[in-house]
Amino acid sequence: MAALIREDSELEQQTMLLAQRISQLARQTSKTEELDNAKVELKQVVTKHFDVRQKRRELQIQRLEEELKRLREAVAKRNESRDEIISKRLADLVGQRDELEF
């Protein structure tokens, strides 16, 4: 993920630099071929940048789904142990010690 974040940042910089270059070239009527080449290059960079951002989002979704699964399992386990958890909490609150405690 760190590599994707770094690549995302680098592609953003490239995009901005190319956009500035295209803007400058557009003001110079004599450089139409160079302008066209820069636009093609910009499209390639933007396409790659889009792909990197999509990959980051996919990884983020995957991590969120894993976290959601872990949370669902924890809730299910706590639901199964509901009475025991409540009993232990009550014992803690009223100062009762569990005889089997270490």
PDB file of N, CA and C in Angstrom:
ATOM      1  N   MET A   1       0.825  -1.185   0.000  1.00  0.00           N
ATOM      2  CA  MET A   1       0.000   0.000   0.000  1.00  0.00           C
ATOM      3  C   MET A   1       0.871   1.251   0.000  1.00  0.00           C
ATOM      4  N   ALA A   2       1.972   1.217   0.730  1.00  0.00           N
ATOM      5  CA  ALA A   2       2.864   2.377   0.771  1.00  0.00           C
ATOM      6  C   ALA A   2       3.410   2.691  -0.622  1.00  0.00           C
ATOM      7  N   ALA A   3       3.713   1.653  -1.382  1.00  0.00           N
ATOM      8  CA  ALA A   3       4.220   1.859  -2.737  1.00  0.00           C
ATOM      9  C   ALA A   3       3.154   2.509  -3.619  1.00  0.00           C
ATOM     10  N   LEU A   4       1.906   2.103  -3.432  1.00  0.00           N
ATOM     11  CA  LEU A   4       0.816   2.695  -4.212  1.00  0.00           C
ATOM     12  C   LEU A   4       0.593   4.159  -3.834  1.00  0.00           C
ATOM     13  N   ILE A   5       0.720   4.465  -2.557  1.00  0.00           N
ATOM     14  CA  ILE A   5       0.571   5.854  -2.107  1.00  0.00           C
ATOM     15  C   ILE A   5       1.673   6.712  -2.709  1.00  0.00           C
ATOM     16  N   ARG A   6       2.880   6.199  -2.688  1.00  0.00           N
ATOM     17  CA  ARG A   6       4.019   6.921  -3.258  1.00  0.00           C
ATOM     18  C   ARG A   6       3.822   7.121  -4.768  1.00  0.00           C
ATOM     19  N   GLU A   7       3.409   6.063  -5.450  1.00  0.00           N
ATOM     20  CA  GLU A   7       3.181   6.152  -6.895  1.00  0.00           C
ATOM     21  C   GLU A   7       2.046   7.126  -7.211  1.00  0.00           C
ATOM     22  N   ASP A   8       1.006   7.116  -6.406  1.00  0.00           N
ATOM     23  CA  ASP A   8      -0.114   8.043  -6.568  1.00  0.00           C
ATOM     24  C   ASP A   8       0.390   9.487  -6.493  1.00  0.00           C
ATOM     25  N   SER A   9       1.209   9.760  -5.510  1.00  0.00           N
ATOM     26  CA  SER A   9       1.757  11.113  -5.332  1.00  0.00           C
ATOM     27  C   SER A   9       2.636  11.522  -6.513  1.00  0.00           C
ATOM     28  N   GLU A  10       3.476  10.598  -6.956  1.00  0.00           N
ATOM     29  CA  GLU A  10       4.359  10.893  -8.088  1.00  0.00           C
ATOM     30  C   GLU A  10       3.563  11.147  -9.367  1.00  0.00           C
ATOM     31  N   LEU A  11       2.540  10.346  -9.584  1.00  0.00           N
ATOM     32  CA  LEU A  11       1.709  10.526 -10.782  1.00  0.00           C
ATOM     33  C   LEU A  11       0.926  11.832 -10.719  1.00  0.00           C
ATOM     34  N   GLU A  12       0.504  12.222  -9.531  1.00  0.00           N
ATOM     35  CA  GLU A  12      -0.183  13.516  -9.370  1.00  0.00           C
ATOM     36  C   GLU A  12       0.750  14.657  -9.766  1.00  0.00           C
ATOM     37  N   GLN A  13       2.003  14.573  -9.328  1.00  0.00           N
ATOM     38  CA  GLN A  13       2.988  15.606  -9.695  1.00  0.00           C
ATOM     39  C   GLN A  13       3.222  15.623 -11.202  1.00  0.00           C
ATOM     40  N   GLN A  14       3.380  14.440 -11.782  1.00  0.00           N
ATOM     41  CA  GLN A  14       3.580  14.355 -13.230  1.00  0.00           C
ATOM     42  C   GLN A  14       2.398  14.963 -13.971  1.00  0.00           C
ATOM     43  N   THR A  15       1.205  14.669 -13.524  1.00  0.00           N
ATOM     44  CA  THR A  15       0.001  15.186 -14.153  1.00  0.00           C
ATOM     45  C   THR A  15      -0.008  16.712 -14.128  1.00  0.00           C
ATOM     46  N   MET A  16       0.289  17.267 -12.977  1.00  0.00           N
ATOM     47  CA  MET A  16       0.280  18.728 -12.850  1.00  0.00           C
ATOM     48  C   MET A  16       1.343  19.375 -13.740  1.00  0.00           C
ATOM     49  N   LEU A  17       2.532  18.782 -13.768  1.00  0.00           N
ATOM     50  CA  LEU A  17       3.604  19.330 -14.606  1.00  0.00           C
ATOM     51  C   LEU A  17       3.244  19.269 -16.089  1.00  0.00           C
ATOM     52  N   LEU A  18       2.693  18.138 -16.508  1.00  0.00           N
ATOM     53  CA  LEU A  18       2.295  18.007 -17.911  1.00  0.00           C
ATOM     54  C   LEU A  18       1.155  18.973 -18.259  1.00  0.00           C
ATOM     55  N   ALA A  19       0.221  19.156 -17.352  1.00  0.00           N
ATOM     56  CA  ALA A  19      -0.888  20.087 -17.598  1.00  0.00           C
ATOM     57  C   ALA A  19      -0.359  21.515 -17.748  1.00  0.00           C
ATOM     58  N   GLN A  20       0.612  21.871 -16.924  1.00  0.00           N
ATOM     59  CA  GLN A  20       1.231  23.205 -17.038  1.00  0.00           C
ATOM     60  C   GLN A  20       1.947  23.344 -18.377  1.00  0.00           C
ATOM     61  N   ARG A  21       2.685  22.297 -18.745  1.00  0.00           N
ATOM     62  CA  ARG A  21       3.409  22.317 -20.015  1.00  0.00           C
ATOM     63  C   ARG A  21       2.439  22.473 -21.186  1.00  0.00           C
ATOM     64  N   ILE A  22       1.328  21.746 -21.148  1.00  0.00           N
ATOM     65  CA  ILE A  22       0.324  21.831 -22.210  1.00  0.00           C
ATOM     66  C   ILE A  22      -0.269  23.225 -22.264  1.00  0.00           C
ATOM     67  N   SER A  23      -0.510  23.792 -21.116  1.00  0.00           N
ATOM     68  CA  SER A  23      -1.046  25.159 -21.064  1.00  0.00           C
ATOM     69  C   SER A  23      -0.084  26.149 -21.713  1.00  0.00           C
ATOM     70  N   GLN A  24       1.192  25.998 -21.444  1.00  0.00           N
ATOM     71  CA  GLN A  24       2.208  26.873 -22.045  1.00  0.00           C
ATOM     72  C   GLN A  24       2.300  26.652 -23.553  1.00  0.00           C
ATOM     73  N   LEU A  25       2.283  25.391 -23.953  1.00  0.00           N
ATOM     74  CA  LEU A  25       2.377  25.070 -25.381  1.00  0.00           C
ATOM     75  C   LEU A  25       1.152  25.566 -26.148  1.00  0.00           C
ATOM     76  N   ALA A  26       0.004  25.553 -25.510  1.00  0.00           N
ATOM     77  CA  ALA A  26      -1.230  25.993 -26.165  1.00  0.00           C
ATOM     78  C   ALA A  26      -1.163  27.479 -26.519  1.00  0.00           C
ATOM     79  N   ARG A  27      -0.381  28.226 -25.761  1.00  0.00           N
ATOM     80  CA  ARG A  27      -0.231  29.667 -26.034  1.00  0.00           C
ATOM     81  C   ARG A  27       0.711  29.933 -27.213  1.00  0.00           C
ATOM     82  N   GLN A  28       1.494  28.905 -27.562  1.00  0.00           N
ATOM     83  CA  GLN A  28       2.448  29.045 -28.665  1.00  0.00           C
ATOM     84  C   GLN A  28       1.887  28.327 -29.895  1.00  0.00           C
ATOM     85  N   THR A  29       1.360  29.076 -30.795  1.00  0.00           N
ATOM     86  CA  THR A  29       0.680  28.484 -31.960  1.00  0.00           C
ATOM     87  C   THR A  29       1.610  27.656 -32.840  1.00  0.00           C
ATOM     88  N   SER A  30       2.898  27.893 -32.765  1.00  0.00           N
ATOM     89  CA  SER A  30       3.837  27.193 -33.649  1.00  0.00           C
ATOM     90  C   SER A  30       4.185  25.782 -33.162  1.00  0.00           C
ATOM     91  N   LYS A  31       3.758  25.396 -32.004  1.00  0.00           N
ATOM     92  CA  LYS A  31       4.186  24.112 -31.428  1.00  0.00           C
ATOM     93  C   LYS A  31       3.022  23.124 -31.333  1.00  0.00           C
ATOM     94  N   THR A  32       2.261  22.996 -32.390  1.00  0.00           N
ATOM     95  CA  THR A  32       1.083  22.122 -32.362  1.00  0.00           C
ATOM     96  C   THR A  32       1.449  20.640 -32.240  1.00  0.00           C
ATOM     97  N   GLU A  33       2.512  20.217 -32.898  1.00  0.00           N
ATOM     98  CA  GLU A  33       2.912  18.800 -32.815  1.00  0.00           C
ATOM     99  C   GLU A  33       3.380  18.473 -31.398  1.00  0.00           C
ATOM    100  N   GLU A  34       4.154  19.352 -30.815  1.00  0.00           N
ATOM    101  CA  GLU A  34       4.626  19.148 -29.446  1.00  0.00           C
ATOM    102  C   GLU A  34       3.438  19.150 -28.464  1.00  0.00           C
ATOM    103  N   LEU A  35       2.471  20.011 -28.744  1.00  0.00           N
ATOM    104  CA  LEU A  35       1.264  20.073 -27.921  1.00  0.00           C
ATOM    105  C   LEU A  35       0.487  18.755 -28.009  1.00  0.00           C
ATOM    106  N   ASP A  36       0.327  18.242 -29.213  1.00  0.00           N
ATOM    107  CA  ASP A  36      -0.385  16.972 -29.401  1.00  0.00           C
ATOM    108  C   ASP A  36       0.333  15.830 -28.683  1.00  0.00           C
ATOM    109  N   ASN A  37       1.657  15.803 -28.777  1.00  0.00           N
ATOM    110  CA  ASN A  37       2.441  14.765 -28.099  1.00  0.00           C
ATOM    111  C   ASN A  37       2.288  14.868 -26.583  1.00  0.00           C
ATOM    112  N   ALA A  38       2.282  16.087 -26.083  1.00  0.00           N
ATOM    113  CA  ALA A  38       2.130  16.293 -24.637  1.00  0.00           C
ATOM    114  C   ALA A  38       0.751  15.838 -24.174  1.00  0.00           C
ATOM    115  N   LYS A  39      -0.269  16.064 -24.994  1.00  0.00           N
ATOM    116  CA  LYS A  39      -1.617  15.619 -24.637  1.00  0.00           C
ATOM    117  C   LYS A  39      -1.699  14.098 -24.593  1.00  0.00           C
ATOM    118  N   VAL A  40      -1.034  13.449 -25.535  1.00  0.00           N
ATOM    119  CA  VAL A  40      -1.000  11.976 -25.540  1.00  0.00           C
ATOM    120  C   VAL A  40      -0.298  11.476 -24.286  1.00  0.00           C
ATOM    121  N   GLU A  41       0.813  12.101 -23.960  1.00  0.00           N
ATOM    122  CA  GLU A  41       1.560  11.721 -22.757  1.00  0.00           C
ATOM    123  C   GLU A  41       0.712  11.959 -21.497  1.00  0.00           C
ATOM    124  N   LEU A  42      -0.001  13.077 -21.454  1.00  0.00           N
ATOM    125  CA  LEU A  42      -0.851  13.382 -20.307  1.00  0.00           C
ATOM    126  C   LEU A  42      -1.948  12.319 -20.160  1.00  0.00           C
ATOM    127  N   LYS A  43      -2.528  11.911 -21.275  1.00  0.00           N
ATOM    128  CA  LYS A  43      -3.571  10.885 -21.210  1.00  0.00           C
ATOM    129  C   LYS A  43      -3.012   9.581 -20.646  1.00  0.00           C
ATOM    130  N   GLN A  44      -1.796   9.229 -21.035  1.00  0.00           N
ATOM    131  CA  GLN A  44      -1.177   8.007 -20.524  1.00  0.00           C
ATOM    132  C   GLN A  44      -0.946   8.108 -19.016  1.00  0.00           C
ATOM    133  N   VAL A  45      -0.464   9.258 -18.570  1.00  0.00           N
ATOM    134  CA  VAL A  45      -0.193   9.440 -17.137  1.00  0.00           C
ATOM    135  C   VAL A  45      -1.502   9.429 -16.344  1.00  0.00           C
ATOM    136  N   VAL A  46      -2.518  10.119 -16.851  1.00  0.00           N
ATOM    137  CA  VAL A  46      -3.808  10.156 -16.160  1.00  0.00           C
ATOM    138  C   VAL A  46      -4.420   8.757 -16.104  1.00  0.00           C
ATOM    139  N   THR A  47      -4.289   7.994 -17.168  1.00  0.00           N
ATOM    140  CA  THR A  47      -4.798   6.620 -17.192  1.00  0.00           C
ATOM    141  C   THR A  47      -4.093   5.771 -16.143  1.00  0.00           C
ATOM    142  N   LYS A  48      -2.783   5.875 -16.076  1.00  0.00           N
ATOM    143  CA  LYS A  48      -2.014   5.118 -15.088  1.00  0.00           C
ATOM    144  C   LYS A  48      -2.378   5.570 -13.673  1.00  0.00           C
ATOM    145  N   HIS A  49      -2.532   6.876 -13.503  1.00  0.00           N
ATOM    146  CA  HIS A  49      -2.895   7.427 -12.201  1.00  0.00           C
ATOM    147  C   HIS A  49      -4.265   6.892 -11.759  1.00  0.00           C
ATOM    148  N   PHE A  50      -5.207   6.839 -12.679  1.00  0.00           N
ATOM    149  CA  PHE A  50      -6.532   6.290 -12.388  1.00  0.00           C
ATOM    150  C   PHE A  50      -6.408   4.838 -11.915  1.00  0.00           C
ATOM    151  N   ASP A  51      -5.612   4.050 -12.629  1.00  0.00           N
ATOM    152  CA  ASP A  51      -5.439   2.639 -12.280  1.00  0.00           C
ATOM    153  C   ASP A  51      -4.842   2.477 -10.885  1.00  0.00           C
ATOM    154  N   VAL A  52      -3.861   3.319 -10.555  1.00  0.00           N
ATOM    155  CA  VAL A  52      -3.233   3.257  -9.230  1.00  0.00           C
ATOM    156  C   VAL A  52      -4.257   3.604  -8.148  1.00  0.00           C
ATOM    157  N   ARG A  53      -5.038   4.636  -8.376  1.00  0.00           N
ATOM    158  CA  ARG A  53      -6.045   5.023  -7.384  1.00  0.00           C
ATOM    159  C   ARG A  53      -7.111   3.939  -7.223  1.00  0.00           C
ATOM    160  N   GLN A  54      -7.482   3.309  -8.317  1.00  0.00           N
ATOM    161  CA  GLN A  54      -8.455   2.213  -8.229  1.00  0.00           C
ATOM    162  C   GLN A  54      -7.884   1.058  -7.412  1.00  0.00           C
ATOM    163  N   LYS A  55      -6.622   0.744  -7.630  1.00  0.00           N
ATOM    164  CA  LYS A  55      -5.969  -0.340  -6.883  1.00  0.00           C
ATOM    165  C   LYS A  55      -5.940  -0.002  -5.396  1.00  0.00           C
ATOM    166  N   ARG A  56      -5.635   1.258  -5.065  1.00  0.00           N
ATOM    167  CA  ARG A  56      -5.648   1.686  -3.660  1.00  0.00           C
ATOM    168  C   ARG A  56      -7.031   1.503  -3.063  1.00  0.00           C
ATOM    169  N   ARG A  57      -8.050   1.884  -3.797  1.00  0.00           N
ATOM    170  CA  ARG A  57      -9.423   1.758  -3.294  1.00  0.00           C
ATOM    171  C   ARG A  57      -9.799   0.286  -3.107  1.00  0.00           C
ATOM    172  N   GLU A  58      -9.387  -0.558  -4.050  1.00  0.00           N
ATOM    173  CA  GLU A  58      -9.670  -1.989  -3.930  1.00  0.00           C
ATOM    174  C   GLU A  58      -9.003  -2.571  -2.686  1.00  0.00           C
ATOM    175  N   LEU A  59      -7.754  -2.178  -2.438  1.00  0.00           N
ATOM    176  CA  LEU A  59      -7.060  -2.660  -1.242  1.00  0.00           C
ATOM    177  C   LEU A  59      -7.728  -2.142   0.025  1.00  0.00           C
ATOM    178  N   GLN A  60      -8.172  -0.903  -0.009  1.00  0.00           N
ATOM    179  CA  GLN A  60      -8.867  -0.326   1.147  1.00  0.00           C
ATOM    180  C   GLN A  60     -10.170  -1.077   1.414  1.00  0.00           C
ATOM    181  N   ILE A  61     -10.906  -1.389   0.371  1.00  0.00           N
ATOM    182  CA  ILE A  61     -12.146  -2.154   0.520  1.00  0.00           C
ATOM    183  C   ILE A  61     -11.844  -3.531   1.103  1.00  0.00           C
ATOM    184  N   GLN A  62     -10.792  -4.167   0.601  1.00  0.00           N
ATOM    185  CA  GLN A  62     -10.414  -5.492   1.101  1.00  0.00           C
ATOM    186  C   GLN A  62     -10.092  -5.429   2.595  1.00  0.00           C
ATOM    187  N   ARG A  63      -9.330  -4.420   3.000  1.00  0.00           N
ATOM    188  CA  ARG A  63      -8.992  -4.281   4.425  1.00  0.00           C
ATOM    189  C   ARG A  63     -10.234  -4.013   5.269  1.00  0.00           C
ATOM    190  N   LEU A  64     -11.126  -3.174   4.764  1.00  0.00           N
ATOM    191  CA  LEU A  64     -12.358  -2.884   5.500  1.00  0.00           C
ATOM    192  C   LEU A  64     -13.228  -4.126   5.626  1.00  0.00           C
ATOM    193  N   GLU A  65     -13.297  -4.919   4.550  1.00  0.00           N
ATOM    194  CA  GLU A  65     -14.082  -6.156   4.605  1.00  0.00           C
ATOM    195  C   GLU A  65     -13.492  -7.132   5.623  1.00  0.00           C
ATOM    196  N   GLU A  66     -12.158  -7.220   5.684  1.00  0.00           N
ATOM    197  CA  GLU A  66     -11.508  -8.090   6.666  1.00  0.00           C
ATOM    198  C   GLU A  66     -11.795  -7.602   8.082  1.00  0.00           C
ATOM    199  N   GLU A  67     -11.735  -6.301   8.290  1.00  0.00           N
ATOM    200  CA  GLU A  67     -12.020  -5.734   9.608  1.00  0.00           C
ATOM    201  C   GLU A  67     -13.479  -5.972   9.989  1.00  0.00           C
ATOM    202  N   LEU A  68     -14.381  -5.798   9.041  1.00  0.00           N
ATOM    203  CA  LEU A  68     -15.799  -6.036   9.290  1.00  0.00           C
ATOM    204  C   LEU A  68     -16.040  -7.502   9.662  1.00  0.00           C
ATOM    205  N   LYS A  69     -15.379  -8.407   8.971  1.00  0.00           N
ATOM    206  CA  LYS A  69     -15.506  -9.837   9.277  1.00  0.00           C
ATOM    207  C   LYS A  69     -15.022 -10.116  10.701  1.00  0.00           C
ATOM    208  N   ARG A  70     -13.873  -9.531  11.066  1.00  0.00           N
ATOM    209  CA  ARG A  70     -13.325  -9.723  12.408  1.00  0.00           C
ATOM    210  C   ARG A  70     -14.289  -9.179  13.462  1.00  0.00           C
ATOM    211  N   LEU A  71     -14.864  -8.008  13.201  1.00  0.00           N
ATOM    212  CA  LEU A  71     -15.810  -7.418  14.144  1.00  0.00           C
ATOM    213  C   LEU A  71     -17.085  -8.256  14.268  1.00  0.00           C
ATOM    214  N   ARG A  72     -17.579  -8.765  13.144  1.00  0.00           N
ATOM    215  CA  ARG A  72     -18.779  -9.616  13.181  1.00  0.00           C
ATOM    216  C   ARG A  72     -18.521 -10.880  14.012  1.00  0.00           C
ATOM    217  N   GLU A  73     -17.315 -11.460  13.836  1.00  0.00           N
ATOM    218  CA  GLU A  73     -16.970 -12.659  14.600  1.00  0.00           C
ATOM    219  C   GLU A  73     -16.877 -12.344  16.090  1.00  0.00           C
ATOM    220  N   ALA A  74     -16.308 -11.196  16.422  1.00  0.00           N
ATOM    221  CA  ALA A  74     -16.188 -10.795  17.829  1.00  0.00           C
ATOM    222  C   ALA A  74     -17.560 -10.566  18.446  1.00  0.00           C
ATOM    223  N   VAL A  75     -18.450  -9.922  17.709  1.00  0.00           N
ATOM    224  CA  VAL A  75     -19.813  -9.691  18.214  1.00  0.00           C
ATOM    225  C   VAL A  75     -20.535 -11.021  18.397  1.00  0.00           C
ATOM    226  N   ALA A  76     -20.400 -11.912  17.444  1.00  0.00           N
ATOM    227  CA  ALA A  76     -21.059 -13.222  17.553  1.00  0.00           C
ATOM    228  C   ALA A  76     -20.539 -13.985  18.780  1.00  0.00           C
ATOM    229  N   LYS A  77     -19.229 -13.943  18.988  1.00  0.00           N
ATOM    230  CA  LYS A  77     -18.632 -14.639  20.132  1.00  0.00           C
ATOM    231  C   LYS A  77     -19.128 -14.026  21.445  1.00  0.00           C
ATOM    232  N   ARG A  78     -19.201 -12.697  21.489  1.00  0.00           N
ATOM    233  CA  ARG A  78     -19.696 -12.031  22.694  1.00  0.00           C
ATOM    234  C   ARG A  78     -21.180 -12.358  22.925  1.00  0.00           C
ATOM    235  N   ASN A  79     -21.949 -12.453  21.852  1.00  0.00           N
ATOM    236  CA  ASN A  79     -23.361 -12.832  21.999  1.00  0.00           C
ATOM    237  C   ASN A  79     -23.497 -14.232  22.588  1.00  0.00           C
ATOM    238  N   GLU A  80     -22.617 -15.132  22.157  1.00  0.00           N
ATOM    239  CA  GLU A  80     -22.635 -16.498  22.688  1.00  0.00           C
ATOM    240  C   GLU A  80     -22.264 -16.524  24.172  1.00  0.00           C
ATOM    241  N   SER A  81     -21.394 -15.600  24.576  1.00  0.00           N
ATOM    242  CA  SER A  81     -20.919 -15.564  25.967  1.00  0.00           C
ATOM    243  C   SER A  81     -21.608 -14.469  26.780  1.00  0.00           C
ATOM    244  N   ARG A  82     -22.730 -14.007  26.313  1.00  0.00           N
ATOM    245  CA  ARG A  82     -23.426 -12.866  26.913  1.00  0.00           C
ATOM    246  C   ARG A  82     -23.624 -13.024  28.419  1.00  0.00           C
ATOM    247  N   ASP A  83     -24.221 -14.117  28.829  1.00  0.00           N
ATOM    248  CA  ASP A  83     -24.523 -14.312  30.255  1.00  0.00           C
ATOM    249  C   ASP A  83     -23.254 -14.341  31.101  1.00  0.00           C
ATOM    250  N   GLU A  84     -22.233 -15.016  30.611  1.00  0.00           N
ATOM    251  CA  GLU A  84     -20.962 -15.096  31.343  1.00  0.00           C
ATOM    252  C   GLU A  84     -20.311 -13.720  31.458  1.00  0.00           C
ATOM    253  N   ILE A  85     -20.329 -12.951  30.382  1.00  0.00           N
ATOM    254  CA  ILE A  85     -19.735 -11.605  30.393  1.00  0.00           C
ATOM    255  C   ILE A  85     -20.477 -10.719  31.391  1.00  0.00           C
ATOM    256  N   ILE A  86     -21.805 -10.798  31.379  1.00  0.00           N
ATOM    257  CA  ILE A  86     -22.604  -9.982  32.294  1.00  0.00           C
ATOM    258  C   ILE A  86     -22.341 -10.389  33.744  1.00  0.00           C
ATOM    259  N   SER A  87     -22.277 -11.683  33.990  1.00  0.00           N
ATOM    260  CA  SER A  87     -22.014 -12.171  35.355  1.00  0.00           C
ATOM    261  C   SER A  87     -20.654 -11.698  35.859  1.00  0.00           C
ATOM    262  N   LYS A  88     -19.646 -11.788  35.027  1.00  0.00           N
ATOM    263  CA  LYS A  88     -18.307 -11.342  35.426  1.00  0.00           C
ATOM    264  C   LYS A  88     -18.292  -9.842  35.691  1.00  0.00           C
ATOM    265  N   ARG A  89     -18.978  -9.084  34.868  1.00  0.00           N
ATOM    266  CA  ARG A  89     -19.027  -7.629  35.068  1.00  0.00           C
ATOM    267  C   ARG A  89     -19.727  -7.290  36.376  1.00  0.00           C
ATOM    268  N   LEU A  90     -20.835  -7.962  36.652  1.00  0.00           N
ATOM    269  CA  LEU A  90     -21.542  -7.735  37.911  1.00  0.00           C
ATOM    270  C   LEU A  90     -20.652  -8.080  39.101  1.00  0.00           C
ATOM    271  N   ALA A  91     -19.948  -9.196  39.013  1.00  0.00           N
ATOM    272  CA  ALA A  91     -19.055  -9.604  40.095  1.00  0.00           C
ATOM    273  C   ALA A  91     -17.962  -8.563  40.314  1.00  0.00           C
ATOM    274  N   ASP A  92     -17.407  -8.037  39.229  1.00  0.00           N
ATOM    275  CA  ASP A  92     -16.386  -6.983  39.342  1.00  0.00           C
ATOM    276  C   ASP A  92     -16.958  -5.743  40.017  1.00  0.00           C
ATOM    277  N   LEU A  93     -18.156  -5.363  39.646  1.00  0.00           N
ATOM    278  CA  LEU A  93     -18.761  -4.138  40.171  1.00  0.00           C
ATOM    279  C   LEU A  93     -19.103  -4.227  41.661  1.00  0.00           C
ATOM    280  N   VAL A  94     -19.477  -5.415  42.122  1.00  0.00           N
ATOM    281  CA  VAL A  94     -19.836  -5.557  43.538  1.00  0.00           C
ATOM    282  C   VAL A  94     -18.688  -6.101  44.376  1.00  0.00           C
ATOM    283  N   GLY A  95     -17.542  -6.300  43.772  1.00  0.00           N
ATOM    284  CA  GLY A  95     -16.347  -6.689  44.506  1.00  0.00           C
ATOM    285  C   GLY A  95     -16.245  -8.166  44.815  1.00  0.00           C
ATOM    286  N   GLN A  96     -16.964  -9.017  44.139  1.00  0.00           N
ATOM    287  CA  GLN A  96     -16.849 -10.454  44.353  1.00  0.00           C
ATOM    288  C   GLN A  96     -15.642 -10.982  43.589  1.00  0.00           C
ATOM    289  N   ARG A  97     -14.883 -11.808  44.265  1.00  0.00           N
ATOM    290  CA  ARG A  97     -13.716 -12.404  43.617  1.00  0.00           C
ATOM    291  C   ARG A  97     -14.084 -13.783  43.110  1.00  0.00           C
ATOM    292  N   ASP A  98     -13.551 -14.102  41.971  1.00  0.00           N
ATOM    293  CA  ASP A  98     -13.763 -15.431  41.411  1.00  0.00           C
ATOM    294  C   ASP A  98     -12.813 -16.391  42.094  1.00  0.00           C
ATOM    295  N   GLU A  99     -13.340 -17.463  42.668  1.00  0.00           N
ATOM    296  CA  GLU A  99     -12.506 -18.429  43.380  1.00  0.00           C
ATOM    297  C   GLU A  99     -11.506 -19.119  42.456  1.00  0.00           C
ATOM    298  N   LEU A 100     -11.799 -19.160  41.190  1.00  0.00           N
ATOM    299  CA  LEU A 100     -10.911 -19.847  40.251  1.00  0.00           C
ATOM    300  C   LEU A 100      -9.884 -18.913  39.617  1.00  0.00           C
ATOM    301  N   GLU A 101      -9.886 -17.657  40.061  1.00  0.00           N
ATOM    302  CA  GLU A 101      -8.904 -16.720  39.506  1.00  0.00           C
ATOM    303  C   GLU A 101      -7.505 -17.141  39.882  1.00  0.00           C
ATOM    304  N   PHE A 102      -6.558 -16.858  39.068  1.00  0.00           N
ATOM    305  CA  PHE A 102      -5.162 -17.234  39.290  1.00  0.00           C
ATOM    306  C   PHE A 102      -4.533 -16.400  40.353  1.00  0.00           C
TER     307      PHE A 102
END
